[in-house]
Structures are given as structure tokens and as C-alpha cells.
């Protein structure tokens, strides 16, 4: 699969979301919104959802739901436009996979599962024929600016060898020094937050990352 850089926005206020989105929406075809409830992770993000429809976005959106009850959260996003993919944490699934899958497919979205650094691959084995993507957390979720946990590269590579048709994404601590190793491990979607969005020239930074991937 062709490598893709996806800016990830994790902010507490909607005003900050609009500000960061404006910096990336015309440069990237896909932007990730990090959604945190203060329970699954300590961080809390903005609660405005339908307000996004007023922004008339040129890009698609994917949701990374870092929430304790993803089924309940998903229902709050059903009327939001431009959503392409939803990532759900494996650790928060409980017994709700089928209900989550129904909502996702009903809305025409793609479905991905997320694995925290300590979560083993076998936790998602039974879902592999029903999902489109797997997102490997390369840091502990909830805050940006952490260092990538290097042993996860082996975990990704092990998964990639056996699963050629599933999109593999990585999120956390990605920089110009380690992005090549992530690609070699099998990653094709690179979710990058502050290291991308908060740079003075986002387009220039994007090109720097893409140069490493070519």
C-alpha cells in the first residue's frame, strides 16, 4: 500500500481544532481527529461534533476513539459529514464489536482496530476478516509529544508478514529519524501530531517526511 502521512489533531477546545485543521485541510486528503473522554485516557477533547459540518471541509476525516464506551461515542458522530474511517481501541471493545461494526458499515465508513503498546496481536485475530485497518500505538495513548517505543516495531513486522491485505497504521512519536524503520516494518499510514501540525511550514514538513518514504 502507498505510504500516507495523516495529521492527527488532539486538542481540548473546538477553537483549537479549527485552528489546527485550517493548517492541514488543504494539504492532506485525510485528517485524523483524536477523541478522548477523560476516562479511557486522562485527556479530554472538544465535545462539538455537528459543528464540524459547518466547516465545509475539502478533506476526509478519520476518528481515533480513545474512549471507554466507543459504541456510545460512535452514535454521536453518525451525522457528521466527511468521515471515512473509524479506529476503535481493542481494549475498550467489551462484547460490542458486532454492534460497532453495524454502525460503521451502515454509515459507509471503514473500520480499524487499535492496539495499545502492551496489547497482544492475538486479541484481534478473530476480527481480522471483518476490519479494514489496524492502528498500532507506538506510544501510550492520550498525549502528544512522547518518544516512540522501539520494541513495537517487531510487533508490527510480525503482524505485517501474515496480513498483507490489511492497512497498517502507526501513531505516536513518529519523526524523520524513525519513519523509515516504521515503513520497513510494514506501516503504510503514519499518524503524526505536533511534529507535523505545529511546524512553521506544514507543507515543507510533509515533503520532508515523504522524501524519507520514497
Protein backbone atom coordinates (compact mmCIF):
# COMPACT_ATOMS: atom_id res chain seq x y z
CA UNK A 1 0.00 0.00 0.00
CA UNK A 2 1.19 3.50 -0.81
CA UNK A 3 2.57 5.34 2.27
CA UNK A 4 0.35 8.13 3.56
CA UNK A 5 1.00 10.87 6.09
CA UNK A 6 -2.07 11.68 8.19
CA UNK A 7 -2.05 14.70 10.53
CA UNK A 8 -3.57 13.85 13.93
CA UNK A 9 -5.35 16.58 15.89
CA UNK A 10 -5.67 16.18 19.66
CA UNK A 11 -6.98 19.34 21.34
CA UNK A 12 -9.30 20.20 24.26
CA UNK A 13 -11.13 23.11 22.60
CA UNK A 14 -13.08 23.32 19.33
CA UNK A 15 -11.47 26.69 18.58
CA UNK A 16 -8.06 24.97 18.66
CA UNK A 17 -9.37 22.19 16.46
CA UNK A 18 -10.50 24.68 13.81
CA UNK A 19 -7.17 26.46 14.00
CA UNK A 20 -5.12 23.27 13.51
CA UNK A 21 -7.48 21.89 10.88
CA UNK A 22 -7.12 25.05 8.83
CA UNK A 23 -3.36 24.43 8.65
CA UNK A 24 -3.73 20.93 7.16
CA UNK A 25 -7.13 20.57 5.45
CA UNK A 26 -5.95 21.76 2.03
CA UNK A 27 -2.65 19.85 2.14
CA UNK A 28 -3.76 16.37 3.23
CA UNK A 29 -6.65 14.32 1.80
CA UNK A 30 -7.19 12.63 5.18
CA UNK A 31 -7.03 14.13 8.69
CA UNK A 32 -7.37 12.23 11.97
CA UNK A 33 -9.41 13.53 14.88
CA UNK A 34 -8.35 12.18 18.27
CA UNK A 35 -11.39 11.80 20.51
CA UNK A 36 -10.66 11.43 24.26
CA UNK A 37 -13.23 11.14 27.05
CA UNK A 38 -11.01 11.61 30.11
CA UNK A 39 -11.80 8.03 31.19
CA UNK A 40 -10.03 5.69 28.76
CA UNK A 41 -7.17 8.19 28.77
CA UNK A 42 -6.70 11.18 31.10
CA UNK A 43 -7.00 13.72 28.29
CA UNK A 44 -10.35 15.26 27.30
CA UNK A 45 -11.05 16.66 23.85
CA UNK A 46 -13.72 19.02 22.50
CA UNK A 47 -17.36 17.88 22.51
CA UNK A 48 -18.66 19.81 19.49
CA UNK A 49 -19.31 17.36 16.67
CA UNK A 50 -22.07 18.64 14.39
CA UNK A 51 -20.25 21.99 14.28
CA UNK A 52 -17.73 20.24 12.02
CA UNK A 53 -20.35 20.12 9.27
CA UNK A 54 -20.33 23.92 9.09
CA UNK A 55 -16.65 23.92 8.12
CA UNK A 56 -17.31 22.53 4.58
CA UNK A 57 -14.11 20.52 4.55
CA UNK A 58 -12.14 19.63 1.41
CA UNK A 59 -10.59 16.63 3.19
CA UNK A 60 -11.87 13.34 4.63
CA UNK A 61 -11.76 12.55 8.34
CA UNK A 62 -10.90 9.51 10.39
CA UNK A 63 -11.75 9.19 14.06
CA UNK A 64 -9.43 7.69 16.65
CA UNK A 65 -11.75 6.98 19.56
CA UNK A 66 -9.79 6.86 22.82
CA UNK A 67 -12.94 6.39 24.86
CA UNK A 68 -14.27 3.91 27.40
CA UNK A 69 -17.56 3.38 25.55
CA UNK A 70 -16.86 3.50 21.79
CA UNK A 71 -20.37 2.27 20.91
CA UNK A 72 -21.99 5.25 22.64
CA UNK A 73 -19.42 7.66 21.20
CA UNK A 74 -19.88 6.38 17.65
CA UNK A 75 -23.58 7.20 17.77
CA UNK A 76 -22.71 10.84 18.43
CA UNK A 77 -20.77 11.06 15.16
CA UNK A 78 -23.31 9.48 12.80
CA UNK A 79 -24.50 12.82 11.41
CA UNK A 80 -21.01 14.26 10.93
CA UNK A 81 -20.02 14.54 7.27
CA UNK A 82 -16.75 13.55 5.61
CA UNK A 83 -15.94 10.62 7.91
CA UNK A 84 -14.03 7.95 6.05
CA UNK A 85 -12.66 5.62 8.74
CA UNK A 86 -13.10 4.97 12.46
CA UNK A 87 -10.47 3.46 14.75
CA UNK A 88 -11.71 1.69 17.89
CA UNK A 89 -9.44 0.59 20.74
CA UNK A 90 -9.38 -3.17 21.19
CA UNK A 91 -9.08 -2.65 24.95
CA UNK A 92 -12.49 -0.89 25.01
CA UNK A 93 -14.46 -3.28 22.76
CA UNK A 94 -16.02 -5.37 25.55
CA UNK A 95 -18.60 -7.51 23.72
CA UNK A 96 -19.75 -4.77 21.39
CA UNK A 97 -17.79 -5.49 18.21
CA UNK A 98 -20.82 -6.57 16.16
CA UNK A 99 -22.87 -3.52 17.21
CA UNK A 100 -19.94 -1.23 16.44
CA UNK A 101 -19.39 -2.93 13.10
CA UNK A 102 -23.09 -2.47 12.22
CA UNK A 103 -22.99 1.27 12.90
CA UNK A 104 -19.76 1.71 10.96
CA UNK A 105 -20.94 -0.23 7.91
CA UNK A 106 -24.39 1.41 7.97
CA UNK A 107 -22.66 4.76 7.58
CA UNK A 108 -20.32 3.54 4.85
CA UNK A 109 -17.18 4.05 6.93
CA UNK A 110 -14.10 1.87 7.15
CA UNK A 111 -13.36 0.16 10.47
CA UNK A 112 -9.99 -0.17 12.13
CA UNK A 113 -8.91 -1.58 15.48
CA UNK A 114 -6.23 -0.05 17.69
CA UNK A 115 -3.65 -1.91 19.76
CA UNK A 116 -2.04 -0.24 22.75
CA UNK A 117 1.70 -0.93 23.22
CA UNK A 118 1.06 -3.72 25.73
CA UNK A 119 -1.90 -5.32 23.89
CA UNK A 120 -1.03 -8.56 22.09
CA UNK A 121 -1.91 -9.18 18.45
CA UNK A 122 -3.95 -12.29 19.25
CA UNK A 123 -6.59 -10.03 20.84
CA UNK A 124 -7.75 -9.04 17.33
CA UNK A 125 -7.23 -12.32 15.44
CA UNK A 126 -10.93 -13.19 15.38
CA UNK A 127 -11.80 -9.79 13.87
CA UNK A 128 -9.24 -9.68 11.06
CA UNK A 129 -11.66 -10.77 8.33
CA UNK A 130 -14.10 -8.01 9.35
CA UNK A 131 -11.84 -4.95 9.58
CA UNK A 132 -10.03 -2.71 7.11
CA UNK A 133 -7.11 -1.49 9.19
CA UNK A 134 -5.04 -1.93 12.35
CA UNK A 135 -3.53 1.04 14.16
CA UNK A 136 -0.51 0.27 16.33
CA UNK A 137 0.04 2.74 19.15
CA UNK A 138 3.78 3.36 19.26
CA UNK A 139 3.35 5.39 22.46
CA UNK A 140 0.84 5.17 25.30
CA UNK A 141 -2.32 6.93 24.09
CA UNK A 142 -3.72 10.24 25.26
CA UNK A 143 -0.91 12.79 24.98
CA UNK A 144 1.23 14.00 22.12
CA UNK A 145 4.99 14.54 22.15
CA UNK A 146 6.08 11.15 23.53
CA UNK A 147 9.01 9.07 22.28
CA UNK A 148 8.30 6.06 20.08
CA UNK A 149 8.54 2.71 21.88
CA UNK A 150 11.03 0.84 19.66
CA UNK A 151 10.13 -2.80 20.55
CA UNK A 152 6.72 -2.24 18.89
CA UNK A 153 8.50 -2.33 15.52
CA UNK A 154 8.92 -6.12 15.91
CA UNK A 155 5.24 -6.44 16.81
CA UNK A 156 4.25 -4.55 13.66
CA UNK A 157 6.58 -6.57 11.46
CA UNK A 158 5.24 -9.84 12.85
CA UNK A 159 1.69 -8.75 12.03
CA UNK A 160 2.56 -7.36 8.59
CA UNK A 161 4.18 -10.60 7.41
CA UNK A 162 0.94 -12.53 7.99
CA UNK A 163 -1.58 -9.85 7.00
CA UNK A 164 -0.84 -8.35 3.59
CA UNK A 165 -4.34 -7.06 2.82
CA UNK A 166 -4.99 -5.02 5.98
CA UNK A 167 -3.89 -1.40 6.16
CA UNK A 168 -1.30 -0.95 8.91
CA UNK A 169 -1.09 2.39 10.67
CA UNK A 170 1.17 3.70 13.43
CA UNK A 171 0.52 6.55 15.83
CA UNK A 172 2.87 8.21 18.30
CA UNK A 173 6.41 9.57 18.41
CA UNK A 174 6.92 9.43 14.64
CA UNK A 175 9.71 11.66 13.36
CA UNK A 176 12.16 11.98 10.47
CA UNK A 177 14.61 9.65 12.23
CA UNK A 178 12.30 6.66 12.75
CA UNK A 179 9.72 6.86 9.94
CA UNK A 180 11.85 4.74 7.58
CA UNK A 181 12.07 1.90 10.13
CA UNK A 182 8.30 2.02 10.57
CA UNK A 183 7.83 1.73 6.83
CA UNK A 184 10.24 -1.23 6.70
CA UNK A 185 8.22 -2.90 9.48
CA UNK A 186 5.08 -2.69 7.33
CA UNK A 187 3.40 0.61 8.19
CA UNK A 188 1.68 2.49 5.37
CA UNK A 189 -0.30 5.11 7.33
CA UNK A 190 1.71 7.42 9.57
CA UNK A 191 -0.37 9.44 12.05
CA UNK A 192 1.64 12.47 13.14
CA UNK A 193 0.57 15.21 15.55
CA UNK A 194 2.60 18.16 16.77
CA UNK A 195 5.76 17.17 14.87
CA UNK A 196 3.78 18.00 11.74
CA UNK A 197 0.94 20.36 12.57
CA UNK A 198 2.83 22.76 14.83
CA UNK A 199 5.73 23.34 12.43
CA UNK A 200 6.06 26.76 10.77
CA UNK A 201 5.68 25.33 7.27
CA UNK A 202 3.39 22.27 7.26
CA UNK A 203 3.76 21.64 3.53
CA UNK A 204 7.56 21.72 3.78
CA UNK A 205 7.45 19.29 6.74
CA UNK A 206 5.10 16.99 4.82
CA UNK A 207 7.55 16.91 1.91
CA UNK A 208 10.42 16.13 4.29
CA UNK A 209 8.54 13.11 5.64
CA UNK A 210 7.54 11.96 2.15
CA UNK A 211 11.12 12.24 0.92
CA UNK A 212 12.10 9.72 3.61
CA UNK A 213 9.37 7.35 2.43
CA UNK A 214 10.26 7.42 -1.28
